[in-house]
Amino acid sequence: MTARNRTAPSWLDDEARRRWLRLERSGAARGRDPETVAAYCFTVSLWDRTRALVDRLPAGERTTWTDREGQPRRHPALALEAVLAAELLELERALGLAPTGREALTPSRVLILDEGP
């Protein structure tokens, strides 16, 4: 990121801004697309809030809830959590934060055989 892009976007919530600053300070955001960094920070914050919601649900309601017709349904927070987890994996790869992403960013080693004179 260039110096003018080092400020977190104003639309990020407090937790996402803290994540942005940690990435910036660690150097993990250096040279990365600012929009992808912002998307990652936003998604992490949303995933954290979703996890907190799921954790607050009574034990019997963590997987299902009963709709107005009395039918059991998968809790929407669980579906959102799964979607966000998949998005986080993709964003981590794009930013080189996941092991698979780091492998993609690491130059491959080339073996040069010395055939001698």
PDB file of N, CA and C in Angstrom:
ATOM      1  N   MET A   1       0.832  -1.173   0.000  1.00  0.00           N
ATOM      2  CA  MET A   1       0.000   0.000   0.000  1.00  0.00           C
ATOM      3  C   MET A   1       0.878   1.237   0.000  1.00  0.00           C
ATOM      4  N   THR A   2       0.446   2.219  -0.677  1.00  0.00           N
ATOM      5  CA  THR A   2       1.186   3.471  -0.654  1.00  0.00           C
ATOM      6  C   THR A   2       0.867   4.202   0.624  1.00  0.00           C
ATOM      7  N   ALA A   3       1.667   5.220   0.930  1.00  0.00           N
ATOM      8  CA  ALA A   3       1.481   5.963   2.177  1.00  0.00           C
ATOM      9  C   ALA A   3       0.075   6.547   2.269  1.00  0.00           C
ATOM     10  N   ARG A   4      -0.495   6.983   1.162  1.00  0.00           N
ATOM     11  CA  ARG A   4      -1.828   7.585   1.213  1.00  0.00           C
ATOM     12  C   ARG A   4      -2.915   6.549   1.441  1.00  0.00           C
ATOM     13  N   ASN A   5      -2.637   5.278   1.258  1.00  0.00           N
ATOM     14  CA  ASN A   5      -3.625   4.229   1.458  1.00  0.00           C
ATOM     15  C   ASN A   5      -3.492   3.534   2.807  1.00  0.00           C
ATOM     16  N   ARG A   6      -2.638   4.022   3.683  1.00  0.00           N
ATOM     17  CA  ARG A   6      -2.391   3.336   4.943  1.00  0.00           C
ATOM     18  C   ARG A   6      -3.486   3.558   5.971  1.00  0.00           C
ATOM     19  N   THR A   7      -4.366   4.485   5.745  1.00  0.00           N
ATOM     20  CA  THR A   7      -5.456   4.747   6.667  1.00  0.00           C
ATOM     21  C   THR A   7      -6.608   3.800   6.361  1.00  0.00           C
ATOM     22  N   ALA A   8      -7.154   3.197   7.403  1.00  0.00           N
ATOM     23  CA  ALA A   8      -8.280   2.285   7.215  1.00  0.00           C
ATOM     24  C   ALA A   8      -9.476   3.046   6.654  1.00  0.00           C
ATOM     25  N   PRO A   9     -10.227   2.420   5.766  1.00  0.00           N
ATOM     26  CA  PRO A   9     -11.422   3.079   5.231  1.00  0.00           C
ATOM     27  C   PRO A   9     -12.397   3.449   6.347  1.00  0.00           C
ATOM     28  N   SER A  10     -13.071   4.566   6.195  1.00  0.00           N
ATOM     29  CA  SER A  10     -13.966   5.065   7.238  1.00  0.00           C
ATOM     30  C   SER A  10     -15.163   4.148   7.475  1.00  0.00           C
ATOM     31  N   TRP A  11     -15.514   3.324   6.507  1.00  0.00           N
ATOM     32  CA  TRP A  11     -16.691   2.464   6.658  1.00  0.00           C
ATOM     33  C   TRP A  11     -16.424   1.210   7.484  1.00  0.00           C
ATOM     34  N   LEU A  12     -15.165   0.948   7.819  1.00  0.00           N
ATOM     35  CA  LEU A  12     -14.862  -0.214   8.659  1.00  0.00           C
ATOM     36  C   LEU A  12     -15.267   0.059  10.103  1.00  0.00           C
ATOM     37  N   ASP A  13     -15.779  -0.966  10.784  1.00  0.00           N
ATOM     38  CA  ASP A  13     -16.118  -0.812  12.197  1.00  0.00           C
ATOM     39  C   ASP A  13     -14.832  -0.840  13.034  1.00  0.00           C
ATOM     40  N   ASP A  14     -14.971  -0.627  14.324  1.00  0.00           N
ATOM     41  CA  ASP A  14     -13.790  -0.523  15.194  1.00  0.00           C
ATOM     42  C   ASP A  14     -12.927  -1.773  15.160  1.00  0.00           C
ATOM     43  N   GLU A  15     -13.544  -2.952  15.227  1.00  0.00           N
ATOM     44  CA  GLU A  15     -12.774  -4.194  15.219  1.00  0.00           C
ATOM     45  C   GLU A  15     -12.041  -4.362  13.887  1.00  0.00           C
ATOM     46  N   ALA A  16     -12.705  -4.058  12.785  1.00  0.00           N
ATOM     47  CA  ALA A  16     -12.069  -4.163  11.470  1.00  0.00           C
ATOM     48  C   ALA A  16     -10.916  -3.174  11.355  1.00  0.00           C
ATOM     49  N   ARG A  17     -11.060  -1.992  11.916  1.00  0.00           N
ATOM     50  CA  ARG A  17      -9.950  -1.014  11.911  1.00  0.00           C
ATOM     51  C   ARG A  17      -8.756  -1.514  12.719  1.00  0.00           C
ATOM     52  N   ARG A  18      -9.043  -2.130  13.868  1.00  0.00           N
ATOM     53  CA  ARG A  18      -7.945  -2.688  14.661  1.00  0.00           C
ATOM     54  C   ARG A  18      -7.211  -3.767  13.870  1.00  0.00           C
ATOM     55  N   ARG A  19      -7.961  -4.596  13.156  1.00  0.00           N
ATOM     56  CA  ARG A  19      -7.359  -5.646  12.327  1.00  0.00           C
ATOM     57  C   ARG A  19      -6.512  -5.009  11.238  1.00  0.00           C
ATOM     58  N   TRP A  20      -7.017  -3.948  10.610  1.00  0.00           N
ATOM     59  CA  TRP A  20      -6.289  -3.220   9.562  1.00  0.00           C
ATOM     60  C   TRP A  20      -4.947  -2.726  10.111  1.00  0.00           C
ATOM     61  N   LEU A  21      -5.000  -2.101  11.289  1.00  0.00           N
ATOM     62  CA  LEU A  21      -3.772  -1.565  11.886  1.00  0.00           C
ATOM     63  C   LEU A  21      -2.784  -2.670  12.212  1.00  0.00           C
ATOM     64  N   ARG A  22      -3.261  -3.815  12.724  1.00  0.00           N
ATOM     65  CA  ARG A  22      -2.358  -4.941  13.007  1.00  0.00           C
ATOM     66  C   ARG A  22      -1.685  -5.427  11.732  1.00  0.00           C
ATOM     67  N   LEU A  23      -2.445  -5.548  10.655  1.00  0.00           N
ATOM     68  CA  LEU A  23      -1.867  -5.984   9.379  1.00  0.00           C
ATOM     69  C   LEU A  23      -0.860  -4.964   8.859  1.00  0.00           C
ATOM     70  N   GLU A  24      -1.189  -3.706   9.015  1.00  0.00           N
ATOM     71  CA  GLU A  24      -0.301  -2.636   8.564  1.00  0.00           C
ATOM     72  C   GLU A  24       0.999  -2.643   9.371  1.00  0.00           C
ATOM     73  N   ARG A  25       0.865  -2.742  10.683  1.00  0.00           N
ATOM     74  CA  ARG A  25       2.066  -2.733  11.546  1.00  0.00           C
ATOM     75  C   ARG A  25       2.951  -3.951  11.323  1.00  0.00           C
ATOM     76  N   SER A  26       2.327  -5.085  11.068  1.00  0.00           N
ATOM     77  CA  SER A  26       3.102  -6.314  10.883  1.00  0.00           C
ATOM     78  C   SER A  26       3.763  -6.375   9.507  1.00  0.00           C
ATOM     79  N   GLY A  27       3.311  -5.528   8.596  1.00  0.00           N
ATOM     80  CA  GLY A  27       3.841  -5.554   7.239  1.00  0.00           C
ATOM     81  C   GLY A  27       3.080  -6.494   6.321  1.00  0.00           C
ATOM     82  N   ALA A  28       2.103  -7.218   6.858  1.00  0.00           N
ATOM     83  CA  ALA A  28       1.339  -8.178   6.055  1.00  0.00           C
ATOM     84  C   ALA A  28       0.492  -7.484   4.989  1.00  0.00           C
ATOM     85  N   ALA A  29       0.164  -6.207   5.203  1.00  0.00           N
ATOM     86  CA  ALA A  29      -0.658  -5.480   4.234  1.00  0.00           C
ATOM     87  C   ALA A  29       0.189  -4.762   3.182  1.00  0.00           C
ATOM     88  N   ARG A  30       1.481  -4.724   3.402  1.00  0.00           N
ATOM     89  CA  ARG A  30       2.370  -4.000   2.494  1.00  0.00           C
ATOM     90  C   ARG A  30       2.309  -4.597   1.089  1.00  0.00           C
ATOM     91  N   GLY A  31       2.085  -3.750   0.125  1.00  0.00           N
ATOM     92  CA  GLY A  31       2.060  -4.184  -1.264  1.00  0.00           C
ATOM     93  C   GLY A  31       0.785  -4.910  -1.662  1.00  0.00           C
ATOM     94  N   ARG A  32      -0.196  -4.982  -0.780  1.00  0.00           N
ATOM     95  CA  ARG A  32      -1.447  -5.667  -1.078  1.00  0.00           C
ATOM     96  C   ARG A  32      -2.502  -4.669  -1.519  1.00  0.00           C
ATOM     97  N   ASP A  33      -3.464  -5.168  -2.263  1.00  0.00           N
ATOM     98  CA  ASP A  33      -4.576  -4.347  -2.720  1.00  0.00           C
ATOM     99  C   ASP A  33      -5.377  -3.850  -1.513  1.00  0.00           C
ATOM    100  N   PRO A  34      -5.517  -2.522  -1.332  1.00  0.00           N
ATOM    101  CA  PRO A  34      -6.208  -1.997  -0.151  1.00  0.00           C
ATOM    102  C   PRO A  34      -7.661  -2.463  -0.051  1.00  0.00           C
ATOM    103  N   GLU A  35      -8.336  -2.638  -1.172  1.00  0.00           N
ATOM    104  CA  GLU A  35      -9.725  -3.094  -1.139  1.00  0.00           C
ATOM    105  C   GLU A  35      -9.814  -4.531  -0.626  1.00  0.00           C
ATOM    106  N   THR A  36      -8.837  -5.357  -0.982  1.00  0.00           N
ATOM    107  CA  THR A  36      -8.828  -6.743  -0.505  1.00  0.00           C
ATOM    108  C   THR A  36      -8.519  -6.773   0.985  1.00  0.00           C
ATOM    109  N   VAL A  37      -7.605  -5.928   1.429  1.00  0.00           N
ATOM    110  CA  VAL A  37      -7.285  -5.841   2.860  1.00  0.00           C
ATOM    111  C   VAL A  37      -8.526  -5.391   3.623  1.00  0.00           C
ATOM    112  N   ALA A  38      -9.222  -4.383   3.113  1.00  0.00           N
ATOM    113  CA  ALA A  38     -10.437  -3.892   3.773  1.00  0.00           C
ATOM    114  C   ALA A  38     -11.510  -4.982   3.798  1.00  0.00           C
ATOM    115  N   ALA A  39     -11.681  -5.705   2.705  1.00  0.00           N
ATOM    116  CA  ALA A  39     -12.670  -6.788   2.662  1.00  0.00           C
ATOM    117  C   ALA A  39     -12.327  -7.857   3.688  1.00  0.00           C
ATOM    118  N   TYR A  40     -11.053  -8.183   3.805  1.00  0.00           N
ATOM    119  CA  TYR A  40     -10.619  -9.168   4.792  1.00  0.00           C
ATOM    120  C   TYR A  40     -10.946  -8.681   6.202  1.00  0.00           C
ATOM    121  N   CYS A  41     -10.575  -7.451   6.516  1.00  0.00           N
ATOM    122  CA  CYS A  41     -10.810  -6.905   7.852  1.00  0.00           C
ATOM    123  C   CYS A  41     -12.298  -6.866   8.179  1.00  0.00           C
ATOM    124  N   PHE A  42     -13.111  -6.444   7.227  1.00  0.00           N
ATOM    125  CA  PHE A  42     -14.563  -6.401   7.410  1.00  0.00           C
ATOM    126  C   PHE A  42     -15.119  -7.799   7.660  1.00  0.00           C
ATOM    127  N   THR A  43     -14.664  -8.767   6.875  1.00  0.00           N
ATOM    128  CA  THR A  43     -15.169 -10.133   6.982  1.00  0.00           C
ATOM    129  C   THR A  43     -14.765 -10.772   8.299  1.00  0.00           C
ATOM    130  N   VAL A  44     -13.535 -10.526   8.750  1.00  0.00           N
ATOM    131  CA  VAL A  44     -13.107 -11.045  10.050  1.00  0.00           C
ATOM    132  C   VAL A  44     -13.990 -10.472  11.155  1.00  0.00           C
ATOM    133  N   SER A  45     -14.253  -9.182  11.106  1.00  0.00           N
ATOM    134  CA  SER A  45     -15.079  -8.542  12.126  1.00  0.00           C
ATOM    135  C   SER A  45     -16.496  -9.128  12.121  1.00  0.00           C
ATOM    136  N   LEU A  46     -17.059  -9.295  10.938  1.00  0.00           N
ATOM    137  CA  LEU A  46     -18.410  -9.851  10.830  1.00  0.00           C
ATOM    138  C   LEU A  46     -18.428 -11.302  11.311  1.00  0.00           C
ATOM    139  N   TRP A  47     -17.392 -12.069  10.977  1.00  0.00           N
ATOM    140  CA  TRP A  47     -17.311 -13.460  11.430  1.00  0.00           C
ATOM    141  C   TRP A  47     -17.217 -13.517  12.958  1.00  0.00           C
ATOM    142  N   ASP A  48     -16.416 -12.631  13.542  1.00  0.00           N
ATOM    143  CA  ASP A  48     -16.300 -12.584  15.007  1.00  0.00           C
ATOM    144  C   ASP A  48     -17.651 -12.298  15.662  1.00  0.00           C
ATOM    145  N   ARG A  49     -18.396 -11.340  15.108  1.00  0.00           N
ATOM    146  CA  ARG A  49     -19.710 -11.012  15.669  1.00  0.00           C
ATOM    147  C   ARG A  49     -20.692 -12.160  15.493  1.00  0.00           C
ATOM    148  N   THR A  50     -20.603 -12.848  14.362  1.00  0.00           N
ATOM    149  CA  THR A  50     -21.480 -13.994  14.123  1.00  0.00           C
ATOM    150  C   THR A  50     -21.157 -15.118  15.099  1.00  0.00           C
ATOM    151  N   ARG A  51     -19.860 -15.384  15.312  1.00  0.00           N
ATOM    152  CA  ARG A  51     -19.449 -16.409  16.275  1.00  0.00           C
ATOM    153  C   ARG A  51     -19.959 -16.058  17.675  1.00  0.00           C
ATOM    154  N   ALA A  52     -19.877 -14.802  18.056  1.00  0.00           N
ATOM    155  CA  ALA A  52     -20.355 -14.382  19.372  1.00  0.00           C
ATOM    156  C   ALA A  52     -21.860 -14.615  19.487  1.00  0.00           C
ATOM    157  N   LEU A  53     -22.600 -14.349  18.424  1.00  0.00           N
ATOM    158  CA  LEU A  53     -24.044 -14.587  18.420  1.00  0.00           C
ATOM    159  C   LEU A  53     -24.340 -16.076  18.601  1.00  0.00           C
ATOM    160  N   VAL A  54     -23.637 -16.915  17.861  1.00  0.00           N
ATOM    161  CA  VAL A  54     -23.840 -18.363  17.966  1.00  0.00           C
ATOM    162  C   VAL A  54     -23.504 -18.836  19.377  1.00  0.00           C
ATOM    163  N   ASP A  55     -22.433 -18.312  19.945  1.00  0.00           N
ATOM    164  CA  ASP A  55     -22.028 -18.723  21.294  1.00  0.00           C
ATOM    165  C   ASP A  55     -23.046 -18.322  22.354  1.00  0.00           C
ATOM    166  N   ARG A  56     -23.796 -17.249  22.108  1.00  0.00           N
ATOM    167  CA  ARG A  56     -24.805 -16.790  23.075  1.00  0.00           C
ATOM    168  C   ARG A  56     -26.123 -17.557  22.969  1.00  0.00           C
ATOM    169  N   LEU A  57     -26.320 -18.307  21.905  1.00  0.00           N
ATOM    170  CA  LEU A  57     -27.563 -19.060  21.746  1.00  0.00           C
ATOM    171  C   LEU A  57     -27.655 -20.160  22.798  1.00  0.00           C
ATOM    172  N   PRO A  58     -28.858 -20.422  23.302  1.00  0.00           N
ATOM    173  CA  PRO A  58     -29.011 -21.559  24.221  1.00  0.00           C
ATOM    174  C   PRO A  58     -28.568 -22.842  23.523  1.00  0.00           C
ATOM    175  N   ALA A  59     -28.010 -23.762  24.273  1.00  0.00           N
ATOM    176  CA  ALA A  59     -27.428 -24.985  23.711  1.00  0.00           C
ATOM    177  C   ALA A  59     -28.382 -25.692  22.744  1.00  0.00           C
ATOM    178  N   GLY A  60     -29.648 -25.776  23.061  1.00  0.00           N
ATOM    179  CA  GLY A  60     -30.601 -26.472  22.201  1.00  0.00           C
ATOM    180  C   GLY A  60     -30.934 -25.732  20.920  1.00  0.00           C
ATOM    181  N   GLU A  61     -30.610 -24.459  20.836  1.00  0.00           N
ATOM    182  CA  GLU A  61     -30.945 -23.653  19.658  1.00  0.00           C
ATOM    183  C   GLU A  61     -29.728 -23.350  18.786  1.00  0.00           C
ATOM    184  N   ARG A  62     -28.587 -23.955  19.074  1.00  0.00           N
ATOM    185  CA  ARG A  62     -27.378 -23.634  18.321  1.00  0.00           C
ATOM    186  C   ARG A  62     -27.394 -24.184  16.910  1.00  0.00           C
ATOM    187  N   THR A  63     -28.122 -25.243  16.671  1.00  0.00           N
ATOM    188  CA  THR A  63     -28.126 -25.815  15.328  1.00  0.00           C
ATOM    189  C   THR A  63     -29.441 -25.578  14.611  1.00  0.00           C
ATOM    190  N   THR A  64     -30.541 -25.543  15.341  1.00  0.00           N
ATOM    191  CA  THR A  64     -31.844 -25.345  14.697  1.00  0.00           C
ATOM    192  C   THR A  64     -32.679 -24.357  15.490  1.00  0.00           C
ATOM    193  N   TRP A  65     -33.680 -23.859  14.835  1.00  0.00           N
ATOM    194  CA  TRP A  65     -34.687 -23.025  15.480  1.00  0.00           C
ATOM    195  C   TRP A  65     -36.012 -23.414  14.858  1.00  0.00           C
ATOM    196  N   THR A  66     -37.080 -23.060  15.505  1.00  0.00           N
ATOM    197  CA  THR A  66     -38.403 -23.424  15.020  1.00  0.00           C
ATOM    198  C   THR A  66     -39.039 -22.207  14.380  1.00  0.00           C
ATOM    199  N   ASP A  67     -39.493 -22.368  13.124  1.00  0.00           N
ATOM    200  CA  ASP A  67     -40.111 -21.242  12.431  1.00  0.00           C
ATOM    201  C   ASP A  67     -41.563 -21.072  12.888  1.00  0.00           C
ATOM    202  N   ARG A  68     -42.273 -20.104  12.306  1.00  0.00           N
ATOM    203  CA  ARG A  68     -43.651 -19.787  12.708  1.00  0.00           C
ATOM    204  C   ARG A  68     -44.605 -20.957  12.503  1.00  0.00           C
ATOM    205  N   GLU A  69     -44.281 -21.803  11.537  1.00  0.00           N
ATOM    206  CA  GLU A  69     -45.127 -22.964  11.267  1.00  0.00           C
ATOM    207  C   GLU A  69     -44.762 -24.161  12.145  1.00  0.00           C
ATOM    208  N   GLY A  70     -43.800 -23.990  13.043  1.00  0.00           N
ATOM    209  CA  GLY A  70     -43.390 -25.064  13.925  1.00  0.00           C
ATOM    210  C   GLY A  70     -42.379 -26.026  13.319  1.00  0.00           C
ATOM    211  N   GLN A  71     -41.821 -25.669  12.169  1.00  0.00           N
ATOM    212  CA  GLN A  71     -40.850 -26.527  11.496  1.00  0.00           C
ATOM    213  C   GLN A  71     -39.431 -26.197  11.959  1.00  0.00           C
ATOM    214  N   PRO A  72     -38.641 -27.231  12.220  1.00  0.00           N
ATOM    215  CA  PRO A  72     -37.247 -26.956  12.593  1.00  0.00           C
ATOM    216  C   PRO A  72     -36.449 -26.489  11.367  1.00  0.00           C
ATOM    217  N   ARG A  73     -35.641 -25.491  11.553  1.00  0.00           N
ATOM    218  CA  ARG A  73     -34.800 -24.935  10.480  1.00  0.00           C
ATOM    219  C   ARG A  73     -33.378 -24.783  11.000  1.00  0.00           C
ATOM    220  N   ARG A  74     -32.429 -24.846  10.068  1.00  0.00           N
ATOM    221  CA  ARG A  74     -31.040 -24.570  10.443  1.00  0.00           C
ATOM    222  C   ARG A  74     -30.952 -23.116  10.861  1.00  0.00           C
ATOM    223  N   HIS A  75     -30.233 -22.868  11.936  1.00  0.00           N
ATOM    224  CA  HIS A  75     -30.139 -21.497  12.424  1.00  0.00           C
ATOM    225  C   HIS A  75     -29.410 -20.648  11.389  1.00  0.00           C
ATOM    226  N   PRO A  76     -29.972 -19.483  11.029  1.00  0.00           N
ATOM    227  CA  PRO A  76     -29.344 -18.637  10.000  1.00  0.00           C
ATOM    228  C   PRO A  76     -27.936 -18.173  10.364  1.00  0.00           C
ATOM    229  N   ALA A  77     -27.656 -18.018  11.648  1.00  0.00           N
ATOM    230  CA  ALA A  77     -26.312 -17.590  12.049  1.00  0.00           C
ATOM    231  C   ALA A  77     -25.277 -18.645  11.678  1.00  0.00           C
ATOM    232  N   LEU A  78     -25.648 -19.922  11.731  1.00  0.00           N
ATOM    233  CA  LEU A  78     -24.714 -20.983  11.351  1.00  0.00           C
ATOM    234  C   LEU A  78     -24.428 -20.948   9.856  1.00  0.00           C
ATOM    235  N   ALA A  79     -25.465 -20.690   9.067  1.00  0.00           N
ATOM    236  CA  ALA A  79     -25.268 -20.592   7.620  1.00  0.00           C
ATOM    237  C   ALA A  79     -24.358 -19.405   7.296  1.00  0.00           C
ATOM    238  N   LEU A  80     -24.598 -18.274   7.945  1.00  0.00           N
ATOM    239  CA  LEU A  80     -23.760 -17.093   7.720  1.00  0.00           C
ATOM    240  C   LEU A  80     -22.327 -17.358   8.151  1.00  0.00           C
ATOM    241  N   GLU A  81     -22.159 -18.022   9.273  1.00  0.00           N
ATOM    242  CA  GLU A  81     -20.816 -18.342   9.756  1.00  0.00           C
ATOM    243  C   GLU A  81     -20.050 -19.190   8.736  1.00  0.00           C
ATOM    244  N   ALA A  82     -20.728 -20.162   8.136  1.00  0.00           N
ATOM    245  CA  ALA A  82     -20.080 -21.029   7.149  1.00  0.00           C
ATOM    246  C   ALA A  82     -19.684 -20.243   5.904  1.00  0.00           C
ATOM    247  N   VAL A  83     -20.547 -19.357   5.434  1.00  0.00           N
ATOM    248  CA  VAL A  83     -20.244 -18.539   4.254  1.00  0.00           C
ATOM    249  C   VAL A  83     -19.062 -17.620   4.546  1.00  0.00           C
ATOM    250  N   LEU A  84     -19.076 -16.998   5.710  1.00  0.00           N
ATOM    251  CA  LEU A  84     -17.984 -16.086   6.071  1.00  0.00           C
ATOM    252  C   LEU A  84     -16.664 -16.822   6.218  1.00  0.00           C
ATOM    253  N   ALA A  85     -16.699 -18.021   6.775  1.00  0.00           N
ATOM    254  CA  ALA A  85     -15.465 -18.805   6.923  1.00  0.00           C
ATOM    255  C   ALA A  85     -14.865 -19.110   5.553  1.00  0.00           C
ATOM    256  N   ALA A  86     -15.697 -19.469   4.586  1.00  0.00           N
ATOM    257  CA  ALA A  86     -15.209 -19.747   3.233  1.00  0.00           C
ATOM    258  C   ALA A  86     -14.630 -18.486   2.598  1.00  0.00           C
ATOM    259  N   GLU A  87     -15.309 -17.356   2.788  1.00  0.00           N
ATOM    260  CA  GLU A  87     -14.803 -16.090   2.244  1.00  0.00           C
ATOM    261  C   GLU A  87     -13.475 -15.709   2.887  1.00  0.00           C
ATOM    262  N   LEU A  88     -13.352 -15.945   4.194  1.00  0.00           N
ATOM    263  CA  LEU A  88     -12.098 -15.630   4.882  1.00  0.00           C
ATOM    264  C   LEU A  88     -10.946 -16.445   4.330  1.00  0.00           C
ATOM    265  N   LEU A  89     -11.188 -17.717   4.072  1.00  0.00           N
ATOM    266  CA  LEU A  89     -10.125 -18.551   3.505  1.00  0.00           C
ATOM    267  C   LEU A  89      -9.653 -18.005   2.164  1.00  0.00           C
ATOM    268  N   GLU A  90     -10.583 -17.602   1.320  1.00  0.00           N
ATOM    269  CA  GLU A  90     -10.219 -17.041   0.014  1.00  0.00           C
ATOM    270  C   GLU A  90      -9.465 -15.725   0.165  1.00  0.00           C
ATOM    271  N   LEU A  91      -9.929 -14.861   1.061  1.00  0.00           N
ATOM    272  CA  LEU A  91      -9.249 -13.578   1.269  1.00  0.00           C
ATOM    273  C   LEU A  91      -7.859 -13.788   1.878  1.00  0.00           C
ATOM    274  N   GLU A  92      -7.737 -14.750   2.796  1.00  0.00           N
ATOM    275  CA  GLU A  92      -6.424 -15.046   3.371  1.00  0.00           C
ATOM    276  C   GLU A  92      -5.461 -15.533   2.299  1.00  0.00           C
ATOM    277  N   ARG A  93      -5.956 -16.365   1.402  1.00  0.00           N
ATOM    278  CA  ARG A  93      -5.102 -16.828   0.296  1.00  0.00           C
ATOM    279  C   ARG A  93      -4.683 -15.661  -0.587  1.00  0.00           C
ATOM    280  N   ALA A  94      -5.634 -14.782  -0.897  1.00  0.00           N
ATOM    281  CA  ALA A  94      -5.345 -13.638  -1.762  1.00  0.00           C
ATOM    282  C   ALA A  94      -4.304 -12.704  -1.134  1.00  0.00           C
ATOM    283  N   LEU A  95      -4.326 -12.611   0.186  1.00  0.00           N
ATOM    284  CA  LEU A  95      -3.394 -11.721   0.886  1.00  0.00           C
ATOM    285  C   LEU A  95      -2.115 -12.420   1.321  1.00  0.00           C
ATOM    286  N   GLY A  96      -2.034 -13.720   1.100  1.00  0.00           N
ATOM    287  CA  GLY A  96      -0.852 -14.455   1.521  1.00  0.00           C
ATOM    288  C   GLY A  96      -0.818 -14.711   3.008  1.00  0.00           C
ATOM    289  N   LEU A  97      -1.978 -14.700   3.667  1.00  0.00           N
ATOM    290  CA  LEU A  97      -2.049 -14.916   5.108  1.00  0.00           C
ATOM    291  C   LEU A  97      -2.279 -16.380   5.458  1.00  0.00           C
ATOM    292  N   ALA A  98      -2.768 -17.153   4.500  1.00  0.00           N
ATOM    293  CA  ALA A  98      -2.997 -18.582   4.723  1.00  0.00           C
ATOM    294  C   ALA A  98      -1.784 -19.343   4.200  1.00  0.00           C
ATOM    295  N   PRO A  99      -1.505 -20.504   4.757  1.00  0.00           N
ATOM    296  CA  PRO A  99      -0.342 -21.269   4.283  1.00  0.00           C
ATOM    297  C   PRO A  99      -0.337 -21.475   2.773  1.00  0.00           C
ATOM    298  N   THR A 100      -1.497 -21.755   2.175  1.00  0.00           N
ATOM    299  CA  THR A 100      -1.515 -21.958   0.727  1.00  0.00           C
ATOM    300  C   THR A 100      -1.200 -20.667  -0.007  1.00  0.00           C
ATOM    301  N   GLY A 101      -1.647 -19.538   0.549  1.00  0.00           N
ATOM    302  CA  GLY A 101      -1.336 -18.260  -0.066  1.00  0.00           C
ATOM    303  C   GLY A 101       0.138 -17.918   0.054  1.00  0.00           C
ATOM    304  N   ARG A 102       0.726 -18.254   1.199  1.00  0.00           N
ATOM    305  CA  ARG A 102       2.150 -17.974   1.377  1.00  0.00           C
ATOM    306  C   ARG A 102       2.975 -18.800   0.403  1.00  0.00           C
ATOM    307  N   GLU A 103       2.551 -20.027   0.149  1.00  0.00           N
ATOM    308  CA  GLU A 103       3.271 -20.852  -0.818  1.00  0.00           C
ATOM    309  C   GLU A 103       3.211 -20.216  -2.198  1.00  0.00           C
ATOM    310  N   ALA A 104       2.069 -19.663  -2.538  1.00  0.00           N
ATOM    311  CA  ALA A 104       1.926 -19.053  -3.856  1.00  0.00           C
ATOM    312  C   ALA A 104       2.782 -17.797  -3.986  1.00  0.00           C
ATOM    313  N   LEU A 105       3.037 -17.117  -2.862  1.00  0.00           N
ATOM    314  CA  LEU A 105       3.815 -15.886  -2.911  1.00  0.00           C
ATOM    315  C   LEU A 105       5.311 -16.130  -2.797  1.00  0.00           C
ATOM    316  N   THR A 106       5.691 -17.320  -2.374  1.00  0.00           N
ATOM    317  CA  THR A 106       7.104 -17.641  -2.220  1.00  0.00           C
ATOM    318  C   THR A 106       7.680 -18.049  -3.566  1.00  0.00           C
ATOM    319  N   PRO A 107       8.765 -17.431  -3.977  1.00  0.00           N
ATOM    320  CA  PRO A 107       9.359 -17.830  -5.257  1.00  0.00           C
ATOM    321  C   PRO A 107       9.757 -19.301  -5.208  1.00  0.00           C
ATOM    322  N   SER A 108       9.535 -19.969  -6.313  1.00  0.00           N
ATOM    323  CA  SER A 108       9.909 -21.382  -6.343  1.00  0.00           C
ATOM    324  C   SER A 108      11.424 -21.489  -6.426  1.00  0.00           C
ATOM    325  N   ARG A 109      11.957 -22.535  -5.866  1.00  0.00           N
ATOM    326  CA  ARG A 109      13.400 -22.758  -5.892  1.00  0.00           C
ATOM    327  C   ARG A 109      13.735 -23.528  -7.157  1.00  0.00           C
ATOM    328  N   VAL A 110      14.742 -23.090  -7.812  1.00  0.00           N
ATOM    329  CA  VAL A 110      15.156 -23.738  -9.058  1.00  0.00           C
ATOM    330  C   VAL A 110      16.487 -24.408  -8.789  1.00  0.00           C
ATOM    331  N   LEU A 111      16.555 -25.667  -9.119  1.00  0.00           N
ATOM    332  CA  LEU A 111      17.776 -26.428  -8.942  1.00  0.00           C
ATOM    333  C   LEU A 111      18.625 -26.249 -10.204  1.00  0.00           C
ATOM    334  N   ILE A 112      19.814 -25.728 -10.020  1.00  0.00           N
ATOM    335  CA  ILE A 112      20.719 -25.561 -11.157  1.00  0.00           C
ATOM    336  C   ILE A 112      21.846 -26.568 -10.994  1.00  0.00           C
ATOM    337  N   LEU A 113      21.947 -27.427 -11.929  1.00  0.00           N
ATOM    338  CA  LEU A 113      22.992 -28.443 -11.890  1.00  0.00           C
ATOM    339  C   LEU A 113      24.259 -27.900 -12.553  1.00  0.00           C
ATOM    340  N   ASP A 114      25.333 -27.989 -11.819  1.00  0.00           N
ATOM    341  CA  ASP A 114      26.607 -27.532 -12.354  1.00  0.00           C
ATOM    342  C   ASP A 114      27.232 -28.703 -13.132  1.00  0.00           C
ATOM    343  N   GLU A 115      27.317 -28.499 -14.424  1.00  0.00           N
ATOM    344  CA  GLU A 115      27.864 -29.562 -15.265  1.00  0.00           C
ATOM    345  C   GLU A 115      29.379 -29.496 -15.343  1.00  0.00           C
ATOM    346  N   GLY A 116      29.942 -28.536 -14.653  1.00  0.00           N
ATOM    347  CA  GLY A 116      31.405 -28.436 -14.647  1.00  0.00           C
ATOM    348  C   GLY A 116      31.942 -27.803 -15.919  1.00  0.00           C
ATOM    349  N   PRO A 117      33.299 -27.741 -16.028  1.00  0.00           N
ATOM    350  CA  PRO A 117      33.926 -27.086 -17.185  1.00  0.00           C
ATOM    351  C   PRO A 117      33.743 -27.816 -18.475  1.00  0.00           C
TER     352      PRO A 117
END
